[in-house]
Amino acid sequence: MGDQMARKTVLILASLALPSLLLVTVGSGVAQAARTNPVLLGSVTCNAANGAWTGKIAFSPPLSNIGNANVEHIKIVAKLGSTVNPCRTNAGTAQTGAITGKLKIVSAGNANNCATIFSGAALPAPIAPPSKIKLHWLAPAGTPTTWQPPGPFVVVGSALMTNITINGAAVTGSFSPFVGPTATLSDAGWAATVAAGCGSVAGLRVLTLGTSAGMW
């Protein structure tokens, strides 16, 4: 009798535990699905007035007036906007994000020469891969936007040494398709900073991006 009662008790407890286990499993699946970011629609603009950039552009090897490297790597890392100064979508809604990118420029004997990078003319088309730019939309969160070929990037450094523009190629993810994705990398004092860095022994390694602007 005692054995029979024990077996019944085990079966009852097992049947009670099963719904709880299913609830935990289903709940876990729902939570995981909720973490998938949506595809955001329209387009977004980040600039000093709405969505100021905070970050840097780095050059490897450093840029120099006597630079004679065959390959130049350009790396971009920045935050786009903030809670007090967000970027804006074409619908007028607030948006913040982060951007990372890399460009590989090949130009025999002068890829890191300041006269090449800041010539006012288009640089040789960046090599793809590895050249690409990715945007992560943080608030509201959206599917990361990758900006890369097909279609070459067009990179132009101003002859006045005040900015570097990047346009062309194509975007996928949130805020796509979008015709004419573009970014102008700049900050106050670039002209003086570039001139001093390019003329120094160490060369120009980093520039800040405070007045930059982009539209995707």
Protein backbone atom coordinates (compact mmCIF):
# COMPACT_ATOMS: atom_id res chain seq x y z
CA MET A 1 0.00 0.00 0.00
CA GLY A 2 2.83 2.32 0.94
CA ASP A 3 4.60 1.69 -2.40
CA GLN A 4 1.39 2.36 -4.37
CA MET A 5 0.83 5.68 -2.60
CA ALA A 6 4.45 6.72 -3.22
CA ARG A 7 4.14 5.98 -6.95
CA LYS A 8 0.89 8.00 -7.19
CA THR A 9 2.51 10.92 -5.40
CA VAL A 10 5.47 10.92 -7.86
CA LEU A 11 3.12 10.84 -10.87
CA ILE A 12 1.03 13.74 -9.53
CA LEU A 13 4.12 15.87 -8.85
CA ALA A 14 5.51 15.13 -12.31
CA SER A 15 2.25 16.16 -13.98
CA LEU A 16 2.23 19.42 -12.03
CA ALA A 17 5.84 20.20 -12.96
CA LEU A 18 5.30 19.68 -16.73
CA PRO A 19 3.22 22.86 -17.38
CA SER A 20 5.75 24.90 -15.42
CA LEU A 21 8.57 23.51 -17.56
CA LEU A 22 6.65 24.28 -20.76
CA LEU A 23 5.95 27.81 -19.51
CA VAL A 24 9.65 28.44 -18.90
CA THR A 25 10.56 27.05 -22.36
CA VAL A 26 7.94 29.10 -24.20
CA GLY A 27 8.74 32.23 -22.18
CA SER A 28 12.43 31.87 -23.04
CA GLY A 29 11.59 31.62 -26.75
CA VAL A 30 9.40 34.73 -26.62
CA ALA A 31 12.11 36.72 -24.85
CA GLN A 32 14.67 35.66 -27.44
CA ALA A 33 12.38 36.69 -30.33
CA ALA A 34 11.78 40.08 -28.69
CA ARG A 35 15.49 40.86 -28.90
CA THR A 36 15.39 40.85 -32.73
CA ASN A 37 15.65 44.47 -33.84
CA PRO A 38 13.09 45.78 -36.35
CA VAL A 39 13.93 47.17 -39.77
CA LEU A 40 13.50 50.94 -39.47
CA LEU A 41 11.96 52.77 -42.43
CA GLY A 42 12.73 56.03 -44.23
CA SER A 43 16.10 57.75 -43.87
CA VAL A 44 18.12 59.33 -41.07
CA THR A 45 20.38 62.39 -40.90
CA CYS A 46 23.04 63.04 -38.25
CA ASN A 47 24.80 66.42 -38.15
CA ALA A 48 25.96 69.11 -35.74
CA ALA A 49 22.45 70.60 -35.44
CA ASN A 50 20.67 67.25 -35.01
CA GLY A 51 22.81 64.31 -34.00
CA ALA A 52 26.37 65.58 -33.58
CA TRP A 53 29.14 63.01 -34.07
CA THR A 54 31.64 62.24 -31.30
CA GLY A 55 34.52 60.08 -32.44
CA LYS A 56 37.60 59.93 -34.62
CA ILE A 57 39.11 58.92 -37.94
CA ALA A 58 42.49 57.19 -37.79
CA PHE A 59 45.14 56.74 -40.50
CA SER A 60 47.54 53.79 -40.72
CA PRO A 61 50.27 54.39 -41.70
CA PRO A 62 50.18 58.04 -40.55
CA LEU A 63 49.69 60.66 -43.26
CA SER A 64 52.79 62.69 -44.14
CA ASN A 65 53.96 65.23 -46.68
CA ILE A 66 56.64 62.70 -47.64
CA GLY A 67 54.43 59.60 -47.33
CA ASN A 68 55.40 56.88 -49.82
CA ALA A 69 53.36 53.84 -48.71
CA ASN A 70 51.45 51.75 -51.24
CA VAL A 71 48.42 51.15 -49.00
CA GLU A 72 46.52 53.38 -46.58
CA HIS A 73 43.99 52.07 -44.01
CA ILE A 74 41.38 54.55 -42.78
CA LYS A 75 39.29 53.66 -39.70
CA ILE A 76 36.17 55.50 -38.52
CA VAL A 77 34.61 55.13 -35.04
CA ALA A 78 31.92 57.49 -33.76
CA LYS A 79 28.69 57.87 -31.80
CA LEU A 80 25.82 59.51 -33.66
CA GLY A 81 23.69 61.88 -31.62
CA SER A 82 22.69 61.79 -27.95
CA THR A 83 19.54 62.04 -25.85
CA VAL A 84 19.88 65.85 -25.76
CA ASN A 85 20.86 66.20 -29.43
CA PRO A 86 19.55 63.20 -31.40
CA CYS A 87 19.74 62.52 -35.12
CA ARG A 88 16.46 62.90 -37.03
CA THR A 89 14.62 60.60 -39.39
CA ASN A 90 12.83 61.96 -42.43
CA ALA A 91 9.62 61.62 -40.38
CA GLY A 92 11.10 63.94 -37.73
CA THR A 93 11.54 61.30 -35.03
CA ALA A 94 14.62 61.09 -32.79
CA GLN A 95 17.37 58.54 -33.42
CA THR A 96 20.79 57.78 -31.95
CA GLY A 97 23.41 55.34 -33.13
CA ALA A 98 27.03 54.39 -33.57
CA ILE A 99 29.16 54.02 -36.67
CA THR A 100 32.26 51.98 -37.42
CA GLY A 101 34.00 51.75 -40.74
CA LYS A 102 37.17 50.93 -42.59
CA LEU A 103 38.50 51.89 -45.99
CA LYS A 104 41.53 50.43 -47.76
CA ILE A 105 43.13 52.75 -50.31
CA VAL A 106 45.80 51.45 -52.71
CA SER A 107 47.94 54.01 -54.52
CA ALA A 108 51.48 52.96 -55.44
CA GLY A 109 54.13 55.08 -53.72
CA ASN A 110 51.84 57.78 -52.28
CA ALA A 111 48.82 56.22 -50.50
CA ASN A 112 49.65 57.95 -47.20
CA ASN A 113 50.84 61.20 -48.73
CA CYS A 114 48.81 64.20 -47.54
CA ALA A 115 48.81 65.61 -51.08
CA THR A 116 47.07 62.39 -52.21
CA ILE A 117 44.47 62.19 -49.45
CA PHE A 118 43.70 65.93 -49.44
CA SER A 119 43.85 66.66 -53.16
CA GLY A 120 40.25 67.72 -53.80
CA ALA A 121 39.96 64.80 -56.26
CA ALA A 122 38.50 61.34 -55.80
CA LEU A 123 40.92 58.79 -54.32
CA PRO A 124 41.38 55.39 -55.96
CA ALA A 125 38.27 53.33 -55.21
CA PRO A 126 38.59 51.65 -51.78
CA ILE A 127 39.23 47.92 -51.97
CA ALA A 128 36.21 45.72 -51.18
CA PRO A 129 36.47 43.72 -49.12
CA PRO A 130 37.54 44.88 -46.53
CA SER A 131 36.08 48.37 -47.03
CA LYS A 132 32.66 48.81 -45.40
CA ILE A 133 30.81 51.00 -42.91
CA LYS A 134 28.26 49.72 -40.38
CA LEU A 135 25.71 51.70 -38.38
CA HIS A 136 24.02 50.35 -35.23
CA TRP A 137 20.81 52.18 -34.33
CA LEU A 138 20.59 52.39 -30.56
CA ALA A 139 17.40 54.27 -29.66
CA PRO A 140 15.06 53.16 -30.98
CA ALA A 141 17.03 50.02 -31.81
CA GLY A 142 17.07 48.97 -35.46
CA THR A 143 18.66 46.38 -37.67
CA PRO A 144 22.32 47.33 -38.29
CA THR A 145 22.85 49.12 -41.59
CA THR A 146 25.85 47.99 -43.60
CA TRP A 147 27.18 50.47 -46.15
CA GLN A 148 29.40 48.71 -48.66
CA PRO A 149 29.81 47.83 -52.35
CA PRO A 150 28.39 46.80 -54.87
CA GLY A 151 29.12 50.18 -56.35
CA PRO A 152 32.40 51.82 -55.31
CA PHE A 153 32.79 54.27 -52.48
CA VAL A 154 33.84 57.70 -53.72
CA VAL A 155 36.24 59.29 -51.21
CA VAL A 156 37.38 62.91 -51.61
CA GLY A 157 39.63 64.82 -49.22
CA SER A 158 39.18 68.57 -49.52
CA ALA A 159 42.16 70.46 -50.96
CA LEU A 160 41.57 72.94 -48.12
CA MET A 161 42.11 70.02 -45.68
CA THR A 162 38.80 70.78 -43.94
CA ASN A 163 36.89 67.53 -44.59
CA ILE A 164 36.74 64.10 -46.21
CA THR A 165 33.54 63.08 -47.99
CA ILE A 166 32.40 59.51 -48.59
CA ASN A 167 29.48 58.64 -50.84
CA GLY A 168 28.33 55.99 -53.25
CA ALA A 169 28.05 52.22 -52.69
CA ALA A 170 24.83 50.84 -51.19
CA VAL A 171 23.18 50.30 -47.80
CA THR A 172 21.31 47.26 -46.49
CA GLY A 173 19.38 46.93 -43.24
CA SER A 174 17.42 49.72 -41.56
CA PHE A 175 16.84 52.93 -43.54
CA SER A 176 17.30 51.17 -46.87
CA PRO A 177 17.10 51.17 -49.77
CA PHE A 178 18.36 54.75 -49.82
CA VAL A 179 19.72 56.54 -52.87
CA GLY A 180 22.88 58.57 -52.29
CA PRO A 181 24.19 57.54 -48.83
CA THR A 182 26.84 60.07 -47.85
CA ALA A 183 29.03 61.26 -44.99
CA THR A 184 31.20 64.34 -44.62
CA LEU A 185 33.86 63.85 -41.96
CA SER A 186 35.09 67.07 -40.35
CA ASP A 187 35.70 69.06 -37.20
CA ALA A 188 36.68 72.59 -36.26
CA GLY A 189 40.37 73.24 -36.80
CA TRP A 190 41.02 70.39 -39.25
CA ALA A 191 43.01 72.59 -41.64
CA ALA A 192 45.55 73.59 -39.00
CA THR A 193 45.68 70.11 -37.47
CA VAL A 194 46.21 68.41 -40.82
CA ALA A 195 48.93 70.84 -41.88
CA ALA A 196 50.80 70.45 -38.60
CA GLY A 197 50.44 66.66 -38.51
CA CYS A 198 51.48 66.11 -42.11
CA GLY A 199 54.55 68.27 -41.60
CA SER A 200 55.65 66.53 -38.42
CA VAL A 201 58.08 63.63 -38.05
CA ALA A 202 55.39 61.37 -36.52
CA GLY A 203 52.82 62.23 -39.17
CA LEU A 204 49.05 62.63 -38.87
CA ARG A 205 47.45 59.68 -37.06
CA VAL A 206 44.03 60.84 -35.80
CA LEU A 207 41.39 63.52 -36.47
CA THR A 208 38.24 64.20 -34.43
CA LEU A 209 34.76 64.22 -36.01
CA GLY A 210 32.71 66.80 -34.09
CA THR A 211 31.16 68.68 -37.04
CA SER A 212 30.65 65.64 -39.27
CA ALA A 213 27.37 64.90 -41.04
CA GLY A 214 25.81 61.85 -42.65
CA MET A 215 22.61 60.77 -44.39
CA TRP A 216 21.58 57.17 -44.93
